[in-house]
Amino acid sequence: MARILIVDDDPDILETLQHALGQEGYAVDVESNGNAALASARTQPPDLAVLDVMLPGLNGYEVARRLKQEMRDGVLPPFPVLMLTARRVRSAARLDFVSAWSRADATLWKPYDLGVLLFRVRTLLDAARVESAEERP
């Protein structure tokens, strides 16, 4: 069973995603701020993290950037990061910059379609499993 870390400061979003992903058979951990998200990922690394951008403490981009750095450094096992944001990026150049800076694997904009979010979660987890299998000798 895949473990998913959801980080959002909106309790309604946390509850909705925790329920929906739980119904899909995932183990779900929830946090409401960036610092707690880092601590949770370090204590029990998830198979995927879903991060809101606007968080108390560290924002989601900074959390994603730090997690990806720790993965590159071998501190954490690799896992995909899906960003959720209400801040629409108006230009392709800005989107490329934000994605490159945060190192997130995918972004969905709020309001999001729950079916699309679940599809993206499955797709990211499947891709991570394939990549992990290919890296094994």
N, C-alpha and C. Protein backbone atom coordinates (compact mmCIF):
# COMPACT_ATOMS: atom_id res chain seq x y z
N MET A 1 0.85 -1.18 0.00
CA MET A 1 0.00 0.00 0.00
C MET A 1 0.89 1.24 0.00
N ALA A 2 0.66 2.11 -0.94
CA ALA A 2 1.44 3.35 -1.04
C ALA A 2 1.03 4.33 0.06
N ARG A 3 2.02 5.04 0.58
CA ARG A 3 1.80 6.06 1.60
C ARG A 3 1.89 7.43 0.93
N ILE A 4 0.89 8.26 1.21
CA ILE A 4 0.83 9.61 0.63
C ILE A 4 0.80 10.63 1.75
N LEU A 5 1.65 11.64 1.61
CA LEU A 5 1.68 12.77 2.54
C LEU A 5 0.93 13.93 1.88
N ILE A 6 -0.11 14.41 2.54
CA ILE A 6 -0.88 15.56 2.06
C ILE A 6 -0.60 16.73 2.98
N VAL A 7 -0.26 17.88 2.39
CA VAL A 7 0.06 19.06 3.19
C VAL A 7 -0.76 20.23 2.66
N ASP A 8 -1.66 20.74 3.50
CA ASP A 8 -2.51 21.88 3.14
C ASP A 8 -2.96 22.54 4.43
N ASP A 9 -3.08 23.85 4.43
CA ASP A 9 -3.53 24.55 5.63
C ASP A 9 -5.06 24.66 5.69
N ASP A 10 -5.77 24.16 4.71
CA ASP A 10 -7.23 24.17 4.69
C ASP A 10 -7.74 22.82 5.19
N PRO A 11 -8.37 22.80 6.38
CA PRO A 11 -8.82 21.52 6.95
C PRO A 11 -9.83 20.79 6.06
N ASP A 12 -10.65 21.53 5.31
CA ASP A 12 -11.62 20.89 4.41
C ASP A 12 -10.91 20.13 3.29
N ILE A 13 -9.86 20.72 2.74
CA ILE A 13 -9.10 20.04 1.68
C ILE A 13 -8.39 18.82 2.26
N LEU A 14 -7.79 18.96 3.44
CA LEU A 14 -7.14 17.81 4.07
C LEU A 14 -8.12 16.67 4.28
N GLU A 15 -9.29 16.99 4.82
CA GLU A 15 -10.29 15.95 5.09
C GLU A 15 -10.76 15.29 3.79
N THR A 16 -11.03 16.10 2.77
CA THR A 16 -11.51 15.56 1.50
C THR A 16 -10.47 14.65 0.85
N LEU A 17 -9.23 15.12 0.78
CA LEU A 17 -8.19 14.32 0.15
C LEU A 17 -7.85 13.08 0.97
N GLN A 18 -7.83 13.22 2.28
CA GLN A 18 -7.56 12.07 3.13
C GLN A 18 -8.62 10.99 2.91
N HIS A 19 -9.87 11.38 2.84
CA HIS A 19 -10.95 10.42 2.62
C HIS A 19 -10.87 9.81 1.23
N ALA A 20 -10.73 10.66 0.20
CA ALA A 20 -10.71 10.17 -1.18
C ALA A 20 -9.54 9.23 -1.43
N LEU A 21 -8.35 9.60 -0.96
CA LEU A 21 -7.18 8.75 -1.17
C LEU A 21 -7.24 7.49 -0.32
N GLY A 22 -7.82 7.60 0.86
CA GLY A 22 -8.04 6.42 1.70
C GLY A 22 -8.98 5.43 1.04
N GLN A 23 -10.02 5.95 0.39
CA GLN A 23 -10.97 5.09 -0.34
C GLN A 23 -10.30 4.38 -1.51
N GLU A 24 -9.24 4.98 -2.04
CA GLU A 24 -8.49 4.37 -3.14
C GLU A 24 -7.47 3.34 -2.64
N GLY A 25 -7.38 3.18 -1.31
CA GLY A 25 -6.49 2.17 -0.74
C GLY A 25 -5.14 2.68 -0.31
N TYR A 26 -4.94 3.99 -0.32
CA TYR A 26 -3.66 4.55 0.09
C TYR A 26 -3.64 4.81 1.60
N ALA A 27 -2.47 4.66 2.21
CA ALA A 27 -2.27 5.12 3.59
C ALA A 27 -1.97 6.61 3.48
N VAL A 28 -2.62 7.41 4.30
CA VAL A 28 -2.52 8.87 4.16
C VAL A 28 -2.06 9.50 5.46
N ASP A 29 -1.03 10.35 5.36
CA ASP A 29 -0.59 11.19 6.46
C ASP A 29 -0.92 12.63 6.08
N VAL A 30 -1.34 13.43 7.04
CA VAL A 30 -1.68 14.83 6.75
C VAL A 30 -0.90 15.76 7.67
N GLU A 31 -0.54 16.91 7.11
CA GLU A 31 0.11 17.98 7.86
C GLU A 31 -0.46 19.30 7.37
N SER A 32 -0.37 20.33 8.21
CA SER A 32 -0.97 21.61 7.85
C SER A 32 0.04 22.75 7.69
N ASN A 33 1.34 22.45 7.78
CA ASN A 33 2.33 23.50 7.55
C ASN A 33 3.62 22.88 7.00
N GLY A 34 4.45 23.73 6.44
CA GLY A 34 5.65 23.27 5.76
C GLY A 34 6.67 22.60 6.66
N ASN A 35 6.89 23.15 7.83
CA ASN A 35 7.87 22.56 8.75
C ASN A 35 7.43 21.17 9.20
N ALA A 36 6.15 21.00 9.51
CA ALA A 36 5.64 19.69 9.90
C ALA A 36 5.72 18.70 8.74
N ALA A 37 5.54 19.19 7.52
CA ALA A 37 5.64 18.33 6.34
C ALA A 37 7.05 17.76 6.21
N LEU A 38 8.07 18.60 6.38
CA LEU A 38 9.45 18.13 6.31
C LEU A 38 9.72 17.09 7.40
N ALA A 39 9.28 17.37 8.60
CA ALA A 39 9.50 16.44 9.71
C ALA A 39 8.81 15.11 9.45
N SER A 40 7.60 15.15 8.95
CA SER A 40 6.85 13.93 8.66
C SER A 40 7.53 13.11 7.58
N ALA A 41 7.96 13.77 6.51
CA ALA A 41 8.62 13.06 5.41
C ALA A 41 9.94 12.45 5.86
N ARG A 42 10.63 13.12 6.76
CA ARG A 42 11.91 12.60 7.25
C ARG A 42 11.70 11.42 8.20
N THR A 43 10.62 11.46 8.98
CA THR A 43 10.33 10.39 9.93
C THR A 43 9.79 9.15 9.23
N GLN A 44 8.85 9.36 8.33
CA GLN A 44 8.24 8.24 7.60
C GLN A 44 8.10 8.67 6.14
N PRO A 45 9.12 8.45 5.32
CA PRO A 45 9.08 8.92 3.94
C PRO A 45 7.87 8.38 3.18
N PRO A 46 7.16 9.26 2.50
CA PRO A 46 5.99 8.82 1.73
C PRO A 46 6.41 8.26 0.37
N ASP A 47 5.46 7.68 -0.31
CA ASP A 47 5.67 7.26 -1.70
C ASP A 47 5.34 8.41 -2.65
N LEU A 48 4.61 9.41 -2.14
CA LEU A 48 4.24 10.60 -2.90
C LEU A 48 3.81 11.68 -1.92
N ALA A 49 4.15 12.93 -2.24
CA ALA A 49 3.70 14.06 -1.42
C ALA A 49 2.83 14.97 -2.28
N VAL A 50 1.72 15.43 -1.69
CA VAL A 50 0.83 16.41 -2.31
C VAL A 50 0.94 17.67 -1.47
N LEU A 51 1.51 18.73 -2.05
CA LEU A 51 1.80 19.95 -1.29
C LEU A 51 1.01 21.14 -1.81
N ASP A 52 0.34 21.83 -0.91
CA ASP A 52 -0.23 23.13 -1.23
C ASP A 52 0.94 24.11 -1.34
N VAL A 53 0.78 25.15 -2.11
CA VAL A 53 1.85 26.14 -2.25
C VAL A 53 1.85 27.10 -1.07
N MET A 54 0.70 27.68 -0.76
CA MET A 54 0.63 28.69 0.29
C MET A 54 0.41 28.00 1.64
N LEU A 55 1.52 27.82 2.37
CA LEU A 55 1.49 27.15 3.67
C LEU A 55 2.10 28.05 4.73
N PRO A 56 1.65 27.89 5.98
CA PRO A 56 2.33 28.59 7.07
C PRO A 56 3.76 28.05 7.22
N GLY A 57 4.66 28.88 7.68
CA GLY A 57 6.05 28.46 7.80
C GLY A 57 6.68 28.43 6.43
N LEU A 58 7.25 27.30 6.05
CA LEU A 58 7.82 27.14 4.71
C LEU A 58 6.69 26.95 3.70
N ASN A 59 6.79 27.65 2.55
CA ASN A 59 5.76 27.43 1.53
C ASN A 59 6.02 26.11 0.82
N GLY A 60 5.04 25.66 0.06
CA GLY A 60 5.12 24.37 -0.62
C GLY A 60 6.28 24.25 -1.58
N TYR A 61 6.60 25.35 -2.28
CA TYR A 61 7.74 25.30 -3.20
C TYR A 61 9.04 25.03 -2.45
N GLU A 62 9.20 25.69 -1.32
CA GLU A 62 10.41 25.51 -0.52
C GLU A 62 10.46 24.09 0.07
N VAL A 63 9.32 23.58 0.52
CA VAL A 63 9.27 22.21 1.04
C VAL A 63 9.67 21.24 -0.06
N ALA A 64 9.10 21.41 -1.25
CA ALA A 64 9.43 20.52 -2.37
C ALA A 64 10.91 20.60 -2.70
N ARG A 65 11.45 21.80 -2.75
CA ARG A 65 12.86 21.99 -3.07
C ARG A 65 13.75 21.27 -2.05
N ARG A 66 13.43 21.42 -0.78
CA ARG A 66 14.24 20.78 0.27
C ARG A 66 14.12 19.25 0.22
N LEU A 67 12.89 18.76 0.01
CA LEU A 67 12.71 17.32 -0.08
C LEU A 67 13.50 16.74 -1.25
N LYS A 68 13.41 17.39 -2.41
CA LYS A 68 14.13 16.91 -3.59
C LYS A 68 15.65 16.95 -3.37
N GLN A 69 16.14 17.97 -2.67
CA GLN A 69 17.57 18.03 -2.36
C GLN A 69 17.97 16.87 -1.46
N GLU A 70 17.14 16.57 -0.46
CA GLU A 70 17.45 15.46 0.44
C GLU A 70 17.38 14.12 -0.30
N MET A 71 16.53 14.02 -1.30
CA MET A 71 16.48 12.80 -2.12
C MET A 71 17.79 12.68 -2.92
N ARG A 72 18.24 13.78 -3.53
CA ARG A 72 19.48 13.77 -4.30
C ARG A 72 20.68 13.45 -3.42
N ASP A 73 20.63 13.91 -2.16
CA ASP A 73 21.73 13.68 -1.22
C ASP A 73 21.69 12.28 -0.60
N GLY A 74 20.63 11.52 -0.88
CA GLY A 74 20.50 10.18 -0.33
C GLY A 74 19.95 10.13 1.08
N VAL A 75 19.50 11.27 1.60
CA VAL A 75 18.91 11.32 2.94
C VAL A 75 17.51 10.70 2.93
N LEU A 76 16.77 10.94 1.86
CA LEU A 76 15.42 10.39 1.68
C LEU A 76 15.40 9.53 0.43
N PRO A 77 14.55 8.49 0.43
CA PRO A 77 14.36 7.74 -0.82
C PRO A 77 13.58 8.62 -1.80
N PRO A 78 13.77 8.42 -3.09
CA PRO A 78 13.05 9.27 -4.06
C PRO A 78 11.55 9.01 -4.06
N PHE A 79 10.80 10.10 -4.17
CA PHE A 79 9.34 10.02 -4.35
C PHE A 79 8.88 11.26 -5.09
N PRO A 80 7.77 11.14 -5.84
CA PRO A 80 7.27 12.30 -6.59
C PRO A 80 6.56 13.30 -5.68
N VAL A 81 6.54 14.54 -6.16
CA VAL A 81 5.87 15.64 -5.46
C VAL A 81 4.87 16.28 -6.42
N LEU A 82 3.63 16.37 -5.96
CA LEU A 82 2.55 17.01 -6.71
C LEU A 82 2.17 18.29 -5.99
N MET A 83 2.28 19.42 -6.68
CA MET A 83 1.93 20.72 -6.09
C MET A 83 0.47 21.03 -6.37
N LEU A 84 -0.22 21.58 -5.37
CA LEU A 84 -1.57 22.11 -5.53
C LEU A 84 -1.48 23.61 -5.28
N THR A 85 -2.00 24.40 -6.21
CA THR A 85 -1.91 25.84 -6.01
C THR A 85 -3.12 26.56 -6.58
N ALA A 86 -3.50 27.62 -5.91
CA ALA A 86 -4.56 28.50 -6.42
C ALA A 86 -3.95 29.64 -7.23
N ARG A 87 -2.63 29.73 -7.23
CA ARG A 87 -1.93 30.81 -7.95
C ARG A 87 -1.64 30.38 -9.37
N ARG A 88 -2.49 30.79 -10.27
CA ARG A 88 -2.31 30.45 -11.70
C ARG A 88 -1.09 31.17 -12.25
N VAL A 89 -0.29 30.43 -12.96
CA VAL A 89 0.88 30.99 -13.62
C VAL A 89 0.46 31.39 -15.02
N ARG A 90 0.70 32.62 -15.38
CA ARG A 90 0.20 33.14 -16.63
C ARG A 90 1.11 32.91 -17.83
N SER A 91 2.37 32.61 -17.60
CA SER A 91 3.25 32.43 -18.75
C SER A 91 3.99 31.09 -18.65
N ALA A 92 4.32 30.53 -19.81
CA ALA A 92 5.05 29.26 -19.85
C ALA A 92 6.42 29.42 -19.21
N ALA A 93 7.06 30.57 -19.41
CA ALA A 93 8.38 30.80 -18.85
C ALA A 93 8.32 30.80 -17.32
N ARG A 94 7.30 31.42 -16.76
CA ARG A 94 7.15 31.46 -15.30
C ARG A 94 6.88 30.05 -14.76
N LEU A 95 6.03 29.29 -15.44
CA LEU A 95 5.73 27.93 -15.02
C LEU A 95 7.00 27.08 -15.05
N ASP A 96 7.80 27.22 -16.11
CA ASP A 96 9.06 26.49 -16.20
C ASP A 96 9.99 26.86 -15.05
N PHE A 97 10.07 28.15 -14.73
CA PHE A 97 10.92 28.61 -13.64
C PHE A 97 10.47 28.01 -12.31
N VAL A 98 9.17 28.08 -12.02
CA VAL A 98 8.64 27.60 -10.75
C VAL A 98 8.86 26.09 -10.65
N SER A 99 8.59 25.35 -11.72
CA SER A 99 8.77 23.90 -11.70
C SER A 99 10.24 23.55 -11.50
N ALA A 100 11.13 24.24 -12.18
CA ALA A 100 12.55 23.97 -12.06
C ALA A 100 13.06 24.32 -10.67
N TRP A 101 12.59 25.43 -10.11
CA TRP A 101 13.05 25.86 -8.79
C TRP A 101 12.57 24.91 -7.70
N SER A 102 11.30 24.52 -7.74
CA SER A 102 10.75 23.67 -6.69
C SER A 102 11.11 22.21 -6.89
N ARG A 103 11.40 21.83 -8.13
CA ARG A 103 11.70 20.45 -8.50
C ARG A 103 10.47 19.55 -8.40
N ALA A 104 9.26 20.13 -8.33
CA ALA A 104 8.03 19.34 -8.27
C ALA A 104 7.87 18.55 -9.56
N ASP A 105 7.22 17.40 -9.44
CA ASP A 105 7.01 16.53 -10.59
C ASP A 105 5.76 16.88 -11.38
N ALA A 106 4.79 17.52 -10.71
CA ALA A 106 3.55 17.91 -11.39
C ALA A 106 2.86 19.00 -10.58
N THR A 107 1.97 19.73 -11.25
CA THR A 107 1.21 20.81 -10.59
C THR A 107 -0.25 20.72 -11.01
N LEU A 108 -1.15 20.88 -10.06
CA LEU A 108 -2.58 21.02 -10.33
C LEU A 108 -3.05 22.33 -9.71
N TRP A 109 -3.97 22.99 -10.41
CA TRP A 109 -4.49 24.26 -9.92
C TRP A 109 -5.83 24.08 -9.24
N LYS A 110 -6.01 24.83 -8.15
CA LYS A 110 -7.29 24.87 -7.43
C LYS A 110 -8.19 25.88 -8.14
N PRO A 111 -9.47 25.63 -8.22
CA PRO A 111 -10.10 24.38 -7.80
C PRO A 111 -9.76 23.26 -8.77
N TYR A 112 -9.52 22.10 -8.22
CA TYR A 112 -9.13 20.95 -9.03
C TYR A 112 -10.29 19.96 -9.09
N ASP A 113 -10.27 19.13 -10.11
CA ASP A 113 -11.23 18.04 -10.24
C ASP A 113 -10.65 16.85 -9.48
N LEU A 114 -11.40 16.30 -8.55
CA LEU A 114 -10.90 15.21 -7.72
C LEU A 114 -10.51 14.00 -8.57
N GLY A 115 -11.27 13.72 -9.61
CA GLY A 115 -10.92 12.60 -10.50
C GLY A 115 -9.58 12.81 -11.18
N VAL A 116 -9.30 14.05 -11.58
CA VAL A 116 -8.02 14.37 -12.21
C VAL A 116 -6.90 14.22 -11.19
N LEU A 117 -7.12 14.69 -9.98
CA LEU A 117 -6.11 14.56 -8.93
C LEU A 117 -5.81 13.09 -8.67
N LEU A 118 -6.83 12.25 -8.55
CA LEU A 118 -6.61 10.83 -8.30
C LEU A 118 -5.86 10.18 -9.46
N PHE A 119 -6.19 10.58 -10.69
CA PHE A 119 -5.49 10.07 -11.87
C PHE A 119 -4.01 10.46 -11.82
N ARG A 120 -3.73 11.73 -11.48
CA ARG A 120 -2.34 12.19 -11.42
C ARG A 120 -1.56 11.44 -10.33
N VAL A 121 -2.21 11.20 -9.19
CA VAL A 121 -1.57 10.45 -8.11
C VAL A 121 -1.20 9.05 -8.61
N ARG A 122 -2.15 8.34 -9.23
CA ARG A 122 -1.87 7.00 -9.75
C ARG A 122 -0.75 7.03 -10.79
N THR A 123 -0.80 8.00 -11.69
CA THR A 123 0.20 8.12 -12.75
C THR A 123 1.59 8.36 -12.16
N LEU A 124 1.69 9.27 -11.21
CA LEU A 124 2.98 9.56 -10.59
C LEU A 124 3.52 8.36 -9.82
N LEU A 125 2.65 7.68 -9.09
CA LEU A 125 3.08 6.50 -8.34
C LEU A 125 3.53 5.38 -9.28
N ASP A 126 2.76 5.17 -10.36
CA ASP A 126 3.15 4.15 -11.35
C ASP A 126 4.50 4.47 -11.97
N ALA A 127 4.71 5.72 -12.35
CA ALA A 127 5.98 6.12 -12.95
C ALA A 127 7.13 5.94 -11.96
N ALA A 128 6.90 6.25 -10.70
CA ALA A 128 7.95 6.09 -9.68
C ALA A 128 8.29 4.62 -9.49
N ARG A 129 7.28 3.75 -9.52
CA ARG A 129 7.54 2.31 -9.39
C ARG A 129 8.35 1.79 -10.56
N VAL A 130 8.02 2.22 -11.77
CA VAL A 130 8.76 1.80 -12.95
C VAL A 130 10.20 2.28 -12.87
N GLU A 131 10.39 3.54 -12.52
CA GLU A 131 11.73 4.10 -12.41
C GLU A 131 12.54 3.37 -11.35
N SER A 132 11.92 3.06 -10.22
CA SER A 132 12.60 2.35 -9.15
C SER A 132 13.00 0.95 -9.61
N ALA A 133 12.12 0.26 -10.33
CA ALA A 133 12.41 -1.08 -10.82
C ALA A 133 13.55 -1.05 -11.84
N GLU A 134 13.60 -0.02 -12.66
CA GLU A 134 14.66 0.10 -13.67
C GLU A 134 16.01 0.37 -13.04
N GLU A 135 16.03 1.01 -11.88
CA GLU A 135 17.29 1.35 -11.22
C GLU A 135 17.88 0.17 -10.47
N ARG A 136 17.06 -0.84 -10.13
CA ARG A 136 17.57 -2.01 -9.43
C ARG A 136 18.42 -2.86 -10.36
N PRO A 137 19.54 -3.38 -9.85
CA PRO A 137 20.41 -4.23 -10.70
C PRO A 137 19.79 -5.57 -10.99
